[in-house]
């Protein structure tokens, strides 16, 4: 049963950050991020960046995959939040 939970955790760690993609599409569709708190977005980004080294060095494959994929996809979301905030 242990390998099942390992694979389940790895799959979840990989899939969870992909929920940033609909968030990015919503921002692009509306061409605005004014309804998103900058404090929230910056706070999340700082936490993701600070967690990345530990995720990279971790022996826990689920955490490692989640940390790296989340950094990549939330960075894209954060870019869109900042980009579509211009001029508001």
PDB file of N, CA and C in Angstrom:
ATOM      1  N   UNK A   1       0.816  -1.202   0.000  1.00  0.00           N
ATOM      2  CA  UNK A   1       0.000   0.000   0.000  1.00  0.00           C
ATOM      3  C   UNK A   1       0.862   1.269   0.000  1.00  0.00           C
ATOM      4  N   UNK A   2       2.061   1.171   0.569  1.00  0.00           N
ATOM      5  CA  UNK A   2       2.934   2.339   0.639  1.00  0.00           C
ATOM      6  C   UNK A   2       3.279   2.900  -0.737  1.00  0.00           C
ATOM      7  N   UNK A   3       3.646   2.073  -1.734  1.00  0.00           N
ATOM      8  CA  UNK A   3       3.945   2.634  -3.054  1.00  0.00           C
ATOM      9  C   UNK A   3       2.736   3.359  -3.668  1.00  0.00           C
ATOM     10  N   UNK A   4       1.538   2.881  -3.392  1.00  0.00           N
ATOM     11  CA  UNK A   4       0.335   3.545  -3.916  1.00  0.00           C
ATOM     12  C   UNK A   4       0.263   4.979  -3.421  1.00  0.00           C
ATOM     13  N   UNK A   5       0.477   5.177  -2.112  1.00  0.00           N
ATOM     14  CA  UNK A   5       0.408   6.517  -1.549  1.00  0.00           C
ATOM     15  C   UNK A   5       1.575   7.384  -2.017  1.00  0.00           C
ATOM     16  N   UNK A   6       2.712   6.781  -2.253  1.00  0.00           N
ATOM     17  CA  UNK A   6       3.847   7.519  -2.808  1.00  0.00           C
ATOM     18  C   UNK A   6       3.503   8.051  -4.190  1.00  0.00           C
ATOM     19  N   UNK A   7       2.983   7.179  -5.057  1.00  0.00           N
ATOM     20  CA  UNK A   7       2.605   7.602  -6.411  1.00  0.00           C
ATOM     21  C   UNK A   7       1.466   8.613  -6.382  1.00  0.00           C
ATOM     22  N   UNK A   8       0.530   8.421  -5.466  1.00  0.00           N
ATOM     23  CA  UNK A   8      -0.586   9.358  -5.330  1.00  0.00           C
ATOM     24  C   UNK A   8      -0.079  10.740  -4.921  1.00  0.00           C
ATOM     25  N   UNK A   9       0.846  10.775  -3.967  1.00  0.00           N
ATOM     26  CA  UNK A   9       1.425  12.041  -3.522  1.00  0.00           C
ATOM     27  C   UNK A   9       2.221  12.729  -4.613  1.00  0.00           C
ATOM     28  N   UNK A  10       2.988  11.965  -5.359  1.00  0.00           N
ATOM     29  CA  UNK A  10       3.773  12.526  -6.459  1.00  0.00           C
ATOM     30  C   UNK A  10       2.843  13.086  -7.535  1.00  0.00           C
ATOM     31  N   UNK A  11       1.787  12.338  -7.856  1.00  0.00           N
ATOM     32  CA  UNK A  11       0.825  12.812  -8.863  1.00  0.00           C
ATOM     33  C   UNK A  11       0.152  14.098  -8.404  1.00  0.00           C
ATOM     34  N   UNK A  12      -0.268  14.136  -7.142  1.00  0.00           N
ATOM     35  CA  UNK A  12      -0.920  15.341  -6.615  1.00  0.00           C
ATOM     36  C   UNK A  12       0.051  16.517  -6.585  1.00  0.00           C
ATOM     37  N   UNK A  13       1.297  16.265  -6.196  1.00  0.00           N
ATOM     38  CA  UNK A  13       2.308  17.326  -6.173  1.00  0.00           C
ATOM     39  C   UNK A  13       2.578  17.899  -7.545  1.00  0.00           C
ATOM     40  N   UNK A  14       2.436  17.067  -8.563  1.00  0.00           N
ATOM     41  CA  UNK A  14       2.637  17.530  -9.933  1.00  0.00           C
ATOM     42  C   UNK A  14       1.406  18.263 -10.465  1.00  0.00           C
ATOM     43  N   UNK A  15       0.214  17.743 -10.185  1.00  0.00           N
ATOM     44  CA  UNK A  15      -1.022  18.284 -10.762  1.00  0.00           C
ATOM     45  C   UNK A  15      -1.475  19.571 -10.081  1.00  0.00           C
ATOM     46  N   UNK A  16      -1.326  19.668  -8.767  1.00  0.00           N
ATOM     47  CA  UNK A  16      -1.847  20.818  -8.025  1.00  0.00           C
ATOM     48  C   UNK A  16      -1.435  22.175  -8.600  1.00  0.00           C
ATOM     49  N   UNK A  17      -0.159  22.399  -8.923  1.00  0.00           N
ATOM     50  CA  UNK A  17       0.214  23.709  -9.469  1.00  0.00           C
ATOM     51  C   UNK A  17      -0.435  24.040 -10.818  1.00  0.00           C
ATOM     52  N   UNK A  18      -0.917  23.031 -11.529  1.00  0.00           N
ATOM     53  CA  UNK A  18      -1.538  23.301 -12.829  1.00  0.00           C
ATOM     54  C   UNK A  18      -2.858  24.052 -12.702  1.00  0.00           C
ATOM     55  N   UNK A  19      -3.387  24.166 -11.488  1.00  0.00           N
ATOM     56  CA  UNK A  19      -4.585  24.970 -11.285  1.00  0.00           C
ATOM     57  C   UNK A  19      -4.287  26.464 -11.402  1.00  0.00           C
ATOM     58  N   UNK A  20      -3.011  26.817 -11.525  1.00  0.00           N
ATOM     59  CA  UNK A  20      -2.648  28.205 -11.824  1.00  0.00           C
ATOM     60  C   UNK A  20      -2.987  28.564 -13.269  1.00  0.00           C
ATOM     61  N   UNK A  21      -3.073  27.582 -14.145  1.00  0.00           N
ATOM     62  CA  UNK A  21      -3.305  27.845 -15.567  1.00  0.00           C
ATOM     63  C   UNK A  21      -4.679  28.474 -15.818  1.00  0.00           C
ATOM     64  N   UNK A  22      -5.786  27.949 -15.259  1.00  0.00           N
ATOM     65  CA  UNK A  22      -7.068  28.634 -15.453  1.00  0.00           C
ATOM     66  C   UNK A  22      -7.061  30.057 -14.870  1.00  0.00           C
ATOM     67  N   UNK A  23      -6.308  30.233 -13.786  1.00  0.00           N
ATOM     68  CA  UNK A  23      -6.162  31.559 -13.167  1.00  0.00           C
ATOM     69  C   UNK A  23      -5.502  32.515 -14.163  1.00  0.00           C
ATOM     70  N   UNK A  24      -4.458  32.056 -14.838  1.00  0.00           N
ATOM     71  CA  UNK A  24      -3.775  32.869 -15.848  1.00  0.00           C
ATOM     72  C   UNK A  24      -4.717  33.177 -17.011  1.00  0.00           C
ATOM     73  N   UNK A  25      -5.451  32.164 -17.476  1.00  0.00           N
ATOM     74  CA  UNK A  25      -6.388  32.375 -18.585  1.00  0.00           C
ATOM     75  C   UNK A  25      -7.469  33.384 -18.221  1.00  0.00           C
ATOM     76  N   UNK A  26      -7.945  33.354 -16.987  1.00  0.00           N
ATOM     77  CA  UNK A  26      -8.967  34.321 -16.549  1.00  0.00           C
ATOM     78  C   UNK A  26      -8.412  35.739 -16.582  1.00  0.00           C
ATOM     79  N   UNK A  27      -7.194  35.912 -16.105  1.00  0.00           N
ATOM     80  CA  UNK A  27      -6.563  37.234 -16.121  1.00  0.00           C
ATOM     81  C   UNK A  27      -6.386  37.717 -17.554  1.00  0.00           C
ATOM     82  N   UNK A  28      -5.920  36.838 -18.429  1.00  0.00           N
ATOM     83  CA  UNK A  28      -5.712  37.221 -19.833  1.00  0.00           C
ATOM     84  C   UNK A  28      -7.031  37.537 -20.526  1.00  0.00           C
ATOM     85  N   UNK A  29      -8.067  36.743 -20.240  1.00  0.00           N
ATOM     86  CA  UNK A  29      -9.366  36.969 -20.867  1.00  0.00           C
ATOM     87  C   UNK A  29      -9.940  38.325 -20.453  1.00  0.00           C
ATOM     88  N   UNK A  30      -9.849  38.629 -19.160  1.00  0.00           N
ATOM     89  CA  UNK A  30     -10.383  39.899 -18.654  1.00  0.00           C
ATOM     90  C   UNK A  30      -9.450  41.072 -18.912  1.00  0.00           C
ATOM     91  N   UNK A  31      -8.199  40.770 -19.279  1.00  0.00           N
ATOM     92  CA  UNK A  31      -7.169  41.790 -19.483  1.00  0.00           C
ATOM     93  C   UNK A  31      -7.044  42.709 -18.266  1.00  0.00           C
ATOM     94  N   UNK A  32      -7.240  42.092 -17.076  1.00  0.00           N
ATOM     95  CA  UNK A  32      -7.168  42.849 -15.839  1.00  0.00           C
ATOM     96  C   UNK A  32      -6.867  41.914 -14.673  1.00  0.00           C
ATOM     97  N   UNK A  33      -6.128  42.460 -13.713  1.00  0.00           N
ATOM     98  CA  UNK A  33      -5.903  41.727 -12.466  1.00  0.00           C
ATOM     99  C   UNK A  33      -6.268  42.596 -11.275  1.00  0.00           C
ATOM    100  N   UNK A  34      -7.124  43.592 -11.529  1.00  0.00           N
ATOM    101  CA  UNK A  34      -7.464  44.543 -10.467  1.00  0.00           C
ATOM    102  C   UNK A  34      -8.242  43.903  -9.322  1.00  0.00           C
ATOM    103  N   UNK A  35      -8.898  42.769  -9.566  1.00  0.00           N
ATOM    104  CA  UNK A  35      -9.653  42.112  -8.500  1.00  0.00           C
ATOM    105  C   UNK A  35      -8.782  41.183  -7.654  1.00  0.00           C
ATOM    106  N   UNK A  36      -7.484  41.139  -7.930  1.00  0.00           N
ATOM    107  CA  UNK A  36      -6.559  40.286  -7.194  1.00  0.00           C
ATOM    108  C   UNK A  36      -5.698  41.162  -6.295  1.00  0.00           C
ATOM    109  N   UNK A  37      -5.660  40.833  -5.022  1.00  0.00           N
ATOM    110  CA  UNK A  37      -4.881  41.593  -4.052  1.00  0.00           C
ATOM    111  C   UNK A  37      -3.389  41.459  -4.345  1.00  0.00           C
ATOM    112  N   UNK A  38      -2.714  42.593  -4.477  1.00  0.00           N
ATOM    113  CA  UNK A  38      -1.267  42.562  -4.695  1.00  0.00           C
ATOM    114  C   UNK A  38      -0.532  42.046  -3.460  1.00  0.00           C
ATOM    115  N   UNK A  39      -1.044  42.364  -2.276  1.00  0.00           N
ATOM    116  CA  UNK A  39      -0.431  41.861  -1.043  1.00  0.00           C
ATOM    117  C   UNK A  39      -0.473  40.332  -1.043  1.00  0.00           C
ATOM    118  N   UNK A  40      -1.617  39.755  -1.415  1.00  0.00           N
ATOM    119  CA  UNK A  40      -1.768  38.305  -1.484  1.00  0.00           C
ATOM    120  C   UNK A  40      -0.810  37.724  -2.528  1.00  0.00           C
ATOM    121  N   UNK A  41      -0.796  38.302  -3.710  1.00  0.00           N
ATOM    122  CA  UNK A  41       0.024  37.778  -4.803  1.00  0.00           C
ATOM    123  C   UNK A  41       1.512  37.842  -4.472  1.00  0.00           C
ATOM    124  N   UNK A  42       1.962  38.955  -3.925  1.00  0.00           N
ATOM    125  CA  UNK A  42       3.375  39.099  -3.560  1.00  0.00           C
ATOM    126  C   UNK A  42       3.718  38.162  -2.402  1.00  0.00           C
ATOM    127  N   UNK A  43       2.818  38.055  -1.430  1.00  0.00           N
ATOM    128  CA  UNK A  43       3.051  37.161  -0.302  1.00  0.00           C
ATOM    129  C   UNK A  43       3.201  35.715  -0.738  1.00  0.00           C
ATOM    130  N   UNK A  44       2.326  35.269  -1.628  1.00  0.00           N
ATOM    131  CA  UNK A  44       2.419  33.907  -2.149  1.00  0.00           C
ATOM    132  C   UNK A  44       3.723  33.728  -2.917  1.00  0.00           C
ATOM    133  N   UNK A  45       4.069  34.693  -3.750  1.00  0.00           N
ATOM    134  CA  UNK A  45       5.292  34.581  -4.543  1.00  0.00           C
ATOM    135  C   UNK A  45       6.527  34.492  -3.649  1.00  0.00           C
ATOM    136  N   UNK A  46       6.591  35.324  -2.622  1.00  0.00           N
ATOM    137  CA  UNK A  46       7.730  35.285  -1.692  1.00  0.00           C
ATOM    138  C   UNK A  46       7.823  33.920  -1.022  1.00  0.00           C
ATOM    139  N   UNK A  47       6.688  33.395  -0.575  1.00  0.00           N
ATOM    140  CA  UNK A  47       6.689  32.075   0.070  1.00  0.00           C
ATOM    141  C   UNK A  47       7.125  30.975  -0.895  1.00  0.00           C
ATOM    142  N   UNK A  48       6.660  31.035  -2.127  1.00  0.00           N
ATOM    143  CA  UNK A  48       7.047  30.032  -3.132  1.00  0.00           C
ATOM    144  C   UNK A  48       8.552  30.094  -3.382  1.00  0.00           C
ATOM    145  N   UNK A  49       9.088  31.293  -3.508  1.00  0.00           N
ATOM    146  CA  UNK A  49      10.527  31.464  -3.750  1.00  0.00           C
ATOM    147  C   UNK A  49      11.337  30.975  -2.545  1.00  0.00           C
ATOM    148  N   UNK A  50      10.879  31.287  -1.337  1.00  0.00           N
ATOM    149  CA  UNK A  50      11.609  30.863  -0.142  1.00  0.00           C
ATOM    150  C   UNK A  50      11.539  29.352   0.085  1.00  0.00           C
ATOM    151  N   UNK A  51      10.466  28.714  -0.373  1.00  0.00           N
ATOM    152  CA  UNK A  51      10.340  27.262  -0.238  1.00  0.00           C
ATOM    153  C   UNK A  51      11.133  26.504  -1.296  1.00  0.00           C
ATOM    154  N   UNK A  52      11.436  27.130  -2.409  1.00  0.00           N
ATOM    155  CA  UNK A  52      12.077  26.446  -3.530  1.00  0.00           C
ATOM    156  C   UNK A  52      13.396  25.749  -3.162  1.00  0.00           C
ATOM    157  N   UNK A  53      14.324  26.403  -2.447  1.00  0.00           N
ATOM    158  CA  UNK A  53      15.576  25.691  -2.135  1.00  0.00           C
ATOM    159  C   UNK A  53      15.343  24.413  -1.309  1.00  0.00           C
ATOM    160  N   UNK A  54      14.431  24.475  -0.342  1.00  0.00           N
ATOM    161  CA  UNK A  54      14.155  23.282   0.459  1.00  0.00           C
ATOM    162  C   UNK A  54      13.505  22.195  -0.383  1.00  0.00           C
ATOM    163  N   UNK A  55      12.607  22.600  -1.287  1.00  0.00           N
ATOM    164  CA  UNK A  55      11.978  21.624  -2.176  1.00  0.00           C
ATOM    165  C   UNK A  55      13.031  20.981  -3.076  1.00  0.00           C
ATOM    166  N   UNK A  56      13.933  21.781  -3.584  1.00  0.00           N
ATOM    167  CA  UNK A  56      14.979  21.284  -4.483  1.00  0.00           C
ATOM    168  C   UNK A  56      15.880  20.261  -3.783  1.00  0.00           C
ATOM    169  N   UNK A  57      16.179  20.509  -2.508  1.00  0.00           N
ATOM    170  CA  UNK A  57      17.087  19.643  -1.757  1.00  0.00           C
ATOM    171  C   UNK A  57      16.391  18.483  -1.059  1.00  0.00           C
ATOM    172  N   UNK A  58      15.084  18.501  -1.017  1.00  0.00           N
ATOM    173  CA  UNK A  58      14.321  17.498  -0.266  1.00  0.00           C
ATOM    174  C   UNK A  58      14.455  16.098  -0.865  1.00  0.00           C
ATOM    175  N   UNK A  59      14.445  15.127   0.011  1.00  0.00           N
ATOM    176  CA  UNK A  59      14.415  13.734  -0.419  1.00  0.00           C
ATOM    177  C   UNK A  59      12.994  13.289  -0.734  1.00  0.00           C
ATOM    178  N   UNK A  60      12.014  14.072  -0.286  1.00  0.00           N
ATOM    179  CA  UNK A  60      10.600  13.759  -0.519  1.00  0.00           C
ATOM    180  C   UNK A  60      10.242  14.149  -1.953  1.00  0.00           C
ATOM    181  N   UNK A  61      10.019  13.152  -2.782  1.00  0.00           N
ATOM    182  CA  UNK A  61       9.769  13.383  -4.204  1.00  0.00           C
ATOM    183  C   UNK A  61       8.507  14.212  -4.439  1.00  0.00           C
ATOM    184  N   UNK A  62       7.469  13.985  -3.654  1.00  0.00           N
ATOM    185  CA  UNK A  62       6.227  14.756  -3.814  1.00  0.00           C
ATOM    186  C   UNK A  62       6.472  16.240  -3.590  1.00  0.00           C
ATOM    187  N   UNK A  63       7.184  16.561  -2.502  1.00  0.00           N
ATOM    188  CA  UNK A  63       7.470  17.955  -2.177  1.00  0.00           C
ATOM    189  C   UNK A  63       8.388  18.572  -3.223  1.00  0.00           C
ATOM    190  N   UNK A  64       9.380  17.806  -3.672  1.00  0.00           N
ATOM    191  CA  UNK A  64      10.326  18.307  -4.668  1.00  0.00           C
ATOM    192  C   UNK A  64       9.596  18.670  -5.966  1.00  0.00           C
ATOM    193  N   UNK A  65       8.775  17.766  -6.443  1.00  0.00           N
ATOM    194  CA  UNK A  65       8.039  18.009  -7.689  1.00  0.00           C
ATOM    195  C   UNK A  65       7.072  19.176  -7.522  1.00  0.00           C
ATOM    196  N   UNK A  66       6.333  19.175  -6.401  1.00  0.00           N
ATOM    197  CA  UNK A  66       5.393  20.269  -6.156  1.00  0.00           C
ATOM    198  C   UNK A  66       6.126  21.608  -6.123  1.00  0.00           C
ATOM    199  N   UNK A  67       7.225  21.683  -5.376  1.00  0.00           N
ATOM    200  CA  UNK A  67       7.949  22.942  -5.222  1.00  0.00           C
ATOM    201  C   UNK A  67       8.461  23.495  -6.543  1.00  0.00           C
ATOM    202  N   UNK A  68       9.014  22.635  -7.358  1.00  0.00           N
ATOM    203  CA  UNK A  68       9.582  23.084  -8.640  1.00  0.00           C
ATOM    204  C   UNK A  68       8.490  23.471  -9.629  1.00  0.00           C
ATOM    205  N   UNK A  69       7.482  22.622  -9.784  1.00  0.00           N
ATOM    206  CA  UNK A  69       6.398  22.916 -10.731  1.00  0.00           C
ATOM    207  C   UNK A  69       5.601  24.129 -10.266  1.00  0.00           C
ATOM    208  N   UNK A  70       5.370  24.230  -8.947  1.00  0.00           N
ATOM    209  CA  UNK A  70       4.630  25.377  -8.422  1.00  0.00           C
ATOM    210  C   UNK A  70       5.399  26.675  -8.644  1.00  0.00           C
ATOM    211  N   UNK A  71       6.712  26.638  -8.474  1.00  0.00           N
ATOM    212  CA  UNK A  71       7.517  27.836  -8.730  1.00  0.00           C
ATOM    213  C   UNK A  71       7.361  28.288 -10.179  1.00  0.00           C
ATOM    214  N   UNK A  72       7.443  27.358 -11.100  1.00  0.00           N
ATOM    215  CA  UNK A  72       7.344  27.696 -12.525  1.00  0.00           C
ATOM    216  C   UNK A  72       5.965  28.264 -12.855  1.00  0.00           C
ATOM    217  N   UNK A  73       4.912  27.563 -12.438  1.00  0.00           N
ATOM    218  CA  UNK A  73       3.566  27.984 -12.834  1.00  0.00           C
ATOM    219  C   UNK A  73       3.061  29.188 -12.043  1.00  0.00           C
ATOM    220  N   UNK A  74       3.414  29.291 -10.745  1.00  0.00           N
ATOM    221  CA  UNK A  74       2.974  30.487 -10.020  1.00  0.00           C
ATOM    222  C   UNK A  74       3.772  31.705 -10.483  1.00  0.00           C
ATOM    223  N   UNK A  75       5.021  31.506 -10.887  1.00  0.00           N
ATOM    224  CA  UNK A  75       5.780  32.634 -11.448  1.00  0.00           C
ATOM    225  C   UNK A  75       5.085  33.172 -12.691  1.00  0.00           C
ATOM    226  N   UNK A  76       4.555  32.279 -13.518  1.00  0.00           N
ATOM    227  CA  UNK A  76       3.806  32.711 -14.702  1.00  0.00           C
ATOM    228  C   UNK A  76       2.545  33.454 -14.288  1.00  0.00           C
ATOM    229  N   UNK A  77       1.852  32.944 -13.288  1.00  0.00           N
ATOM    230  CA  UNK A  77       0.637  33.614 -12.801  1.00  0.00           C
ATOM    231  C   UNK A  77       0.994  34.991 -12.221  1.00  0.00           C
ATOM    232  N   UNK A  78       2.066  35.039 -11.441  1.00  0.00           N
ATOM    233  CA  UNK A  78       2.487  36.305 -10.832  1.00  0.00           C
ATOM    234  C   UNK A  78       2.871  37.320 -11.909  1.00  0.00           C
ATOM    235  N   UNK A  79       3.556  36.865 -12.941  1.00  0.00           N
ATOM    236  CA  UNK A  79       3.893  37.747 -14.064  1.00  0.00           C
ATOM    237  C   UNK A  79       2.626  38.350 -14.660  1.00  0.00           C
ATOM    238  N   UNK A  80       1.606  37.525 -14.882  1.00  0.00           N
ATOM    239  CA  UNK A  80       0.361  38.019 -15.470  1.00  0.00           C
ATOM    240  C   UNK A  80      -0.363  38.978 -14.526  1.00  0.00           C
ATOM    241  N   UNK A  81      -0.311  38.710 -13.245  1.00  0.00           N
ATOM    242  CA  UNK A  81      -0.932  39.627 -12.275  1.00  0.00           C
ATOM    243  C   UNK A  81      -0.281  40.994 -12.367  1.00  0.00           C
ATOM    244  N   UNK A  82       1.045  41.018 -12.389  1.00  0.00           N
ATOM    245  CA  UNK A  82       1.773  42.292 -12.453  1.00  0.00           C
ATOM    246  C   UNK A  82       1.592  42.955 -13.821  1.00  0.00           C
ATOM    247  N   UNK A  83       1.705  42.182 -14.890  1.00  0.00           N
ATOM    248  CA  UNK A  83       1.593  42.733 -16.245  1.00  0.00           C
ATOM    249  C   UNK A  83       0.230  43.385 -16.471  1.00  0.00           C
ATOM    250  N   UNK A  84      -0.834  42.713 -16.067  1.00  0.00           N
ATOM    251  CA  UNK A  84      -2.166  43.256 -16.300  1.00  0.00           C
ATOM    252  C   UNK A  84      -2.595  44.251 -15.235  1.00  0.00           C
ATOM    253  N   UNK A  85      -1.730  44.521 -14.259  1.00  0.00           N
ATOM    254  CA  UNK A  85      -1.997  45.553 -13.251  1.00  0.00           C
ATOM    255  C   UNK A  85      -1.556  46.908 -13.775  1.00  0.00           C
ATOM    256  N   UNK A  86      -0.645  46.933 -14.759  1.00  0.00           N
ATOM    257  CA  UNK A  86      -0.129  48.195 -15.298  1.00  0.00           C
ATOM    258  C   UNK A  86      -1.266  49.079 -15.788  1.00  0.00           C
ATOM    259  N   UNK A  87      -1.139  50.359 -15.531  1.00  0.00           N
ATOM    260  CA  UNK A  87      -2.097  51.309 -16.057  1.00  0.00           C
ATOM    261  C   UNK A  87      -3.410  51.378 -15.309  1.00  0.00           C
ATOM    262  N   UNK A  88      -3.481  50.708 -14.174  1.00  0.00           N
ATOM    263  CA  UNK A  88      -4.733  50.752 -13.405  1.00  0.00           C
ATOM    264  C   UNK A  88      -4.643  51.743 -12.285  1.00  0.00           C
TER     265      UNK A  88
END
